[in-house]
Amino acid sequence: MELIDNKSKRWINILKLLVSKDKWWSLQEISNEQIGSVRAIQSDLEQMKSFQTENGEPLIHIKPRQGISICYTQTIRVDYYIKEILKDTIEIRLIDGVFFEQNRSFYEWMDTLNISRSTLYNTIHKINSLLISSRMTLSYDQIVCSSMEMRRRFVNFFGIFV
């Protein structure tokens, strides 16, 4: 989870918490679980309201007097929603693109991911800091992985999220 941004971590933790107990939660109770501030959680829940079950119902129910709850169905698949959250993170999109798309330059990746130069530089640095123990890196000029072992590990580790 070191690659994942704080917002995505909160979304995942909120989903896990709501699934852990079949009850109505208040914003304060969710915040007390060390997920984030009440304000951040409220903002996250507003964005997460767009999640729907396979029946087309909202996944998360928010009622002013009762609180927040998750819609339980016979086949609730939290892993599906976690996968969707992760697919939107810059880090996973970059790693996915490096392995499954054509090679691109640094500036092409900036355009593709719609991020600034410093954000892309910091993202590559963050990924490399985790890969250095395995003697693997992403290069900055033509963003490609520099080890075949890295490709195998990506497929084994990240394949479940992509």
C-alpha atoms as a PDB file:
ATOM      1  CA  MET A   1       0.000   0.000   0.000  1.00  0.00           C
ATOM      2  CA  GLU A   2       3.051   2.277  -0.005  1.00  0.00           C
ATOM      3  CA  LEU A   3       2.431   3.277  -3.619  1.00  0.00           C
ATOM      4  CA  ILE A   4      -1.162   4.269  -3.053  1.00  0.00           C
ATOM      5  CA  ASP A   5      -2.087   7.898  -2.360  1.00  0.00           C
ATOM      6  CA  ASN A   6      -3.829   8.846   0.903  1.00  0.00           C
ATOM      7  CA  LYS A   7      -7.226   9.429  -0.687  1.00  0.00           C
ATOM      8  CA  SER A   8      -7.305   5.963  -2.264  1.00  0.00           C
ATOM      9  CA  LYS A   9      -6.158   4.402   1.023  1.00  0.00           C
ATOM     10  CA  ARG A  10      -9.039   6.158   2.813  1.00  0.00           C
ATOM     11  CA  TRP A  11     -11.553   4.944   0.211  1.00  0.00           C
ATOM     12  CA  ILE A  12     -10.327   1.368   0.608  1.00  0.00           C
ATOM     13  CA  ASN A  13     -10.369   1.594   4.408  1.00  0.00           C
ATOM     14  CA  ILE A  14     -13.875   3.085   4.386  1.00  0.00           C
ATOM     15  CA  LEU A  15     -15.119   0.191   2.236  1.00  0.00           C
ATOM     16  CA  LYS A  16     -13.434  -2.387   4.470  1.00  0.00           C
ATOM     17  CA  LEU A  17     -14.903  -0.781   7.587  1.00  0.00           C
ATOM     18  CA  LEU A  18     -18.438  -0.602   6.198  1.00  0.00           C
ATOM     19  CA  VAL A  19     -18.264  -4.260   5.180  1.00  0.00           C
ATOM     20  CA  SER A  20     -16.764  -5.372   8.504  1.00  0.00           C
ATOM     21  CA  LYS A  21     -19.978  -4.702  10.472  1.00  0.00           C
ATOM     22  CA  ASP A  22     -23.538  -4.565   9.231  1.00  0.00           C
ATOM     23  CA  LYS A  23     -24.542  -1.347  10.968  1.00  0.00           C
ATOM     24  CA  TRP A  24     -25.079   2.339  10.361  1.00  0.00           C
ATOM     25  CA  TRP A  25     -21.946   4.389  11.022  1.00  0.00           C
ATOM     26  CA  SER A  26     -21.681   8.076  11.863  1.00  0.00           C
ATOM     27  CA  LEU A  27     -18.923  10.186  10.340  1.00  0.00           C
ATOM     28  CA  GLN A  28     -17.371  10.519  13.786  1.00  0.00           C
ATOM     29  CA  GLU A  29     -17.328   6.739  14.315  1.00  0.00           C
ATOM     30  CA  ILE A  30     -15.574   6.237  10.981  1.00  0.00           C
ATOM     31  CA  SER A  31     -13.090   8.976  11.874  1.00  0.00           C
ATOM     32  CA  ASN A  32     -12.474   7.344  15.263  1.00  0.00           C
ATOM     33  CA  GLU A  33     -11.267   4.247  13.395  1.00  0.00           C
ATOM     34  CA  GLN A  34      -8.203   6.306  12.363  1.00  0.00           C
ATOM     35  CA  ILE A  35      -9.239   6.437   8.707  1.00  0.00           C
ATOM     36  CA  GLY A  36      -9.110  10.221   8.387  1.00  0.00           C
ATOM     37  CA  SER A  37     -10.710  13.435   9.510  1.00  0.00           C
ATOM     38  CA  VAL A  38     -14.478  13.852   9.489  1.00  0.00           C
ATOM     39  CA  ARG A  39     -14.175  16.422   6.721  1.00  0.00           C
ATOM     40  CA  ALA A  40     -11.991  14.191   4.506  1.00  0.00           C
ATOM     41  CA  ILE A  41     -14.288  11.196   5.046  1.00  0.00           C
ATOM     42  CA  GLN A  42     -17.364  13.277   4.235  1.00  0.00           C
ATOM     43  CA  SER A  43     -15.756  14.451   0.996  1.00  0.00           C
ATOM     44  CA  ASP A  44     -14.708  10.889   0.116  1.00  0.00           C
ATOM     45  CA  LEU A  45     -18.202   9.537   0.741  1.00  0.00           C
ATOM     46  CA  GLU A  46     -19.707  12.187  -1.534  1.00  0.00           C
ATOM     47  CA  GLN A  47     -17.460  10.951  -4.326  1.00  0.00           C
ATOM     48  CA  MET A  48     -18.013   7.287  -3.470  1.00  0.00           C
ATOM     49  CA  LYS A  49     -21.801   7.681  -3.780  1.00  0.00           C
ATOM     50  CA  SER A  50     -21.389   6.966  -7.493  1.00  0.00           C
ATOM     51  CA  PHE A  51     -20.415   3.339  -6.775  1.00  0.00           C
ATOM     52  CA  GLN A  52     -23.234   0.980  -7.675  1.00  0.00           C
ATOM     53  CA  THR A  53     -23.971  -2.674  -7.018  1.00  0.00           C
ATOM     54  CA  GLU A  54     -24.519  -5.115  -9.862  1.00  0.00           C
ATOM     55  CA  ASN A  55     -28.275  -4.426  -9.457  1.00  0.00           C
ATOM     56  CA  GLY A  56     -27.765  -0.721 -10.149  1.00  0.00           C
ATOM     57  CA  GLU A  57     -28.406   0.315  -6.535  1.00  0.00           C
ATOM     58  CA  PRO A  58     -26.047   2.712  -4.760  1.00  0.00           C
ATOM     59  CA  LEU A  59     -23.333   0.763  -2.932  1.00  0.00           C
ATOM     60  CA  ILE A  60     -23.171   3.244  -0.065  1.00  0.00           C
ATOM     61  CA  HIS A  61     -26.292   4.537   1.637  1.00  0.00           C
ATOM     62  CA  ILE A  62     -26.083   7.914   3.371  1.00  0.00           C
ATOM     63  CA  LYS A  63     -29.067   8.981   5.450  1.00  0.00           C
ATOM     64  CA  PRO A  64     -28.981  12.118   7.616  1.00  0.00           C
ATOM     65  CA  ARG A  65     -30.519  10.552  10.718  1.00  0.00           C
ATOM     66  CA  GLN A  66     -29.188   6.999  10.424  1.00  0.00           C
ATOM     67  CA  GLY A  67     -25.679   7.548   9.073  1.00  0.00           C
ATOM     68  CA  ILE A  68     -23.646   5.603   6.539  1.00  0.00           C
ATOM     69  CA  SER A  69     -24.042   1.967   5.569  1.00  0.00           C
ATOM     70  CA  ILE A  70     -23.131  -0.331   2.729  1.00  0.00           C
ATOM     71  CA  CYS A  71     -25.691  -2.104   0.581  1.00  0.00           C
ATOM     72  CA  TYR A  72     -25.349  -5.795   1.277  1.00  0.00           C
ATOM     73  CA  THR A  73     -26.158  -8.112  -1.596  1.00  0.00           C
ATOM     74  CA  GLN A  74     -25.648 -11.837  -1.959  1.00  0.00           C
ATOM     75  CA  THR A  75     -22.573 -11.265  -4.074  1.00  0.00           C
ATOM     76  CA  ILE A  76     -21.011  -8.077  -2.690  1.00  0.00           C
ATOM     77  CA  ARG A  77     -17.503  -7.927  -4.120  1.00  0.00           C
ATOM     78  CA  VAL A  78     -15.405  -5.431  -2.221  1.00  0.00           C
ATOM     79  CA  ASP A  79     -12.334  -6.537  -4.175  1.00  0.00           C
ATOM     80  CA  TYR A  80     -13.986  -5.267  -7.368  1.00  0.00           C
ATOM     81  CA  TYR A  81     -14.416  -1.780  -5.880  1.00  0.00           C
ATOM     82  CA  ILE A  82     -10.871  -1.802  -4.496  1.00  0.00           C
ATOM     83  CA  LYS A  83      -9.599  -2.733  -7.949  1.00  0.00           C
ATOM     84  CA  GLU A  84     -11.561   0.157  -9.464  1.00  0.00           C
ATOM     85  CA  ILE A  85     -10.135   2.585  -6.901  1.00  0.00           C
ATOM     86  CA  LEU A  86      -6.591   1.411  -7.565  1.00  0.00           C
ATOM     87  CA  LYS A  87      -6.978   1.613 -11.333  1.00  0.00           C
ATOM     88  CA  ASP A  88      -7.479   5.367 -10.988  1.00  0.00           C
ATOM     89  CA  THR A  89      -4.235   6.017  -9.077  1.00  0.00           C
ATOM     90  CA  ILE A  90      -1.370   7.598 -10.995  1.00  0.00           C
ATOM     91  CA  GLU A  91       1.125   5.026  -9.742  1.00  0.00           C
ATOM     92  CA  ILE A  92      -0.858   2.005 -10.895  1.00  0.00           C
ATOM     93  CA  ARG A  93      -1.742   3.667 -14.213  1.00  0.00           C
ATOM     94  CA  LEU A  94       1.949   4.358 -14.843  1.00  0.00           C
ATOM     95  CA  ILE A  95       3.068   0.856 -13.895  1.00  0.00           C
ATOM     96  CA  ASP A  96       0.278  -0.661 -15.954  1.00  0.00           C
ATOM     97  CA  GLY A  97       1.221   1.489 -18.943  1.00  0.00           C
ATOM     98  CA  VAL A  98       4.915   0.679 -18.718  1.00  0.00           C
ATOM     99  CA  PHE A  99       4.197  -3.031 -18.924  1.00  0.00           C
ATOM    100  CA  PHE A 100       1.225  -3.255 -21.222  1.00  0.00           C
ATOM    101  CA  GLU A 101       1.512  -0.280 -23.583  1.00  0.00           C
ATOM    102  CA  GLN A 102       4.146   0.993 -25.959  1.00  0.00           C
ATOM    103  CA  ASN A 103       7.198   2.793 -24.589  1.00  0.00           C
ATOM    104  CA  ARG A 104       6.679   6.502 -24.083  1.00  0.00           C
ATOM    105  CA  SER A 105       8.906   9.405 -23.249  1.00  0.00           C
ATOM    106  CA  PHE A 106       8.718  11.322 -20.000  1.00  0.00           C
ATOM    107  CA  TYR A 107       6.715  14.118 -21.645  1.00  0.00           C
ATOM    108  CA  GLU A 108       4.324  11.699 -23.350  1.00  0.00           C
ATOM    109  CA  TRP A 109       3.572  10.176 -19.935  1.00  0.00           C
ATOM    110  CA  MET A 110       2.930  13.645 -18.528  1.00  0.00           C
ATOM    111  CA  ASP A 111       0.295  14.164 -21.234  1.00  0.00           C
ATOM    112  CA  THR A 112      -1.179  10.673 -20.915  1.00  0.00           C
ATOM    113  CA  LEU A 113      -1.563  10.882 -17.138  1.00  0.00           C
ATOM    114  CA  ASN A 114      -2.419  14.598 -17.265  1.00  0.00           C
ATOM    115  CA  ILE A 115       0.062  15.454 -14.526  1.00  0.00           C
ATOM    116  CA  SER A 116       2.891  17.932 -14.061  1.00  0.00           C
ATOM    117  CA  ARG A 117       6.561  17.221 -14.585  1.00  0.00           C
ATOM    118  CA  SER A 118       7.278  17.255 -10.850  1.00  0.00           C
ATOM    119  CA  THR A 119       4.390  14.902 -10.098  1.00  0.00           C
ATOM    120  CA  LEU A 120       5.634  12.387 -12.664  1.00  0.00           C
ATOM    121  CA  TYR A 121       9.188  12.724 -11.403  1.00  0.00           C
ATOM    122  CA  ASN A 122       8.030  12.162  -7.791  1.00  0.00           C
ATOM    123  CA  THR A 123       5.868   9.192  -8.848  1.00  0.00           C
ATOM    124  CA  ILE A 124       8.777   7.504 -10.615  1.00  0.00           C
ATOM    125  CA  HIS A 125      10.993   8.239  -7.626  1.00  0.00           C
ATOM    126  CA  LYS A 126       8.400   6.681  -5.279  1.00  0.00           C
ATOM    127  CA  ILE A 127       8.162   3.544  -7.437  1.00  0.00           C
ATOM    128  CA  ASN A 128      11.957   3.284  -7.723  1.00  0.00           C
ATOM    129  CA  SER A 129      12.425   3.622  -3.962  1.00  0.00           C
ATOM    130  CA  LEU A 130      10.324   0.489  -3.512  1.00  0.00           C
ATOM    131  CA  LEU A 131      12.064  -1.390  -6.324  1.00  0.00           C
ATOM    132  CA  ILE A 132      15.646  -0.591  -5.356  1.00  0.00           C
ATOM    133  CA  SER A 133      15.899  -3.510  -2.932  1.00  0.00           C
ATOM    134  CA  SER A 134      15.286  -5.820  -5.900  1.00  0.00           C
ATOM    135  CA  ARG A 135      17.868  -3.964  -8.040  1.00  0.00           C
ATOM    136  CA  MET A 136      15.206  -2.755 -10.449  1.00  0.00           C
ATOM    137  CA  THR A 137      14.352   0.746 -11.628  1.00  0.00           C
ATOM    138  CA  LEU A 138      12.234   2.762 -13.988  1.00  0.00           C
ATOM    139  CA  SER A 139      14.335   5.124 -16.101  1.00  0.00           C
ATOM    140  CA  TYR A 140      13.322   8.768 -16.470  1.00  0.00           C
ATOM    141  CA  ASP A 141      14.103   9.475 -20.117  1.00  0.00           C
ATOM    142  CA  GLN A 142      12.217   6.710 -21.951  1.00  0.00           C
ATOM    143  CA  ILE A 143      10.111   5.249 -19.193  1.00  0.00           C
ATOM    144  CA  VAL A 144      10.750   1.525 -19.353  1.00  0.00           C
ATOM    145  CA  CYS A 145      11.575  -1.043 -16.747  1.00  0.00           C
ATOM    146  CA  SER A 146      15.207  -2.070 -16.686  1.00  0.00           C
ATOM    147  CA  SER A 147      14.801  -5.681 -15.612  1.00  0.00           C
ATOM    148  CA  MET A 148      12.953  -8.717 -16.932  1.00  0.00           C
ATOM    149  CA  GLU A 149      12.502  -9.815 -13.334  1.00  0.00           C
ATOM    150  CA  MET A 150      10.487  -6.647 -12.796  1.00  0.00           C
ATOM    151  CA  ARG A 151       8.069  -7.639 -15.530  1.00  0.00           C
ATOM    152  CA  ARG A 152       7.506 -11.023 -13.884  1.00  0.00           C
ATOM    153  CA  ARG A 153       6.958  -9.490 -10.460  1.00  0.00           C
ATOM    154  CA  PHE A 154       4.549  -6.948 -11.872  1.00  0.00           C
ATOM    155  CA  VAL A 155       2.423  -9.639 -13.447  1.00  0.00           C
ATOM    156  CA  ASN A 156       2.476 -11.695 -10.239  1.00  0.00           C
ATOM    157  CA  PHE A 157       1.878  -8.831  -7.807  1.00  0.00           C
ATOM    158  CA  PHE A 158      -0.024  -6.111  -9.626  1.00  0.00           C
ATOM    159  CA  GLY A 159      -1.909  -8.406 -11.998  1.00  0.00           C
ATOM    160  CA  ILE A 160      -4.644  -8.861  -9.423  1.00  0.00           C
ATOM    161  CA  PHE A 161      -5.343  -5.105  -9.403  1.00  0.00           C
ATOM    162  CA  VAL A 162      -5.293  -4.424 -13.128  1.00  0.00           C
END
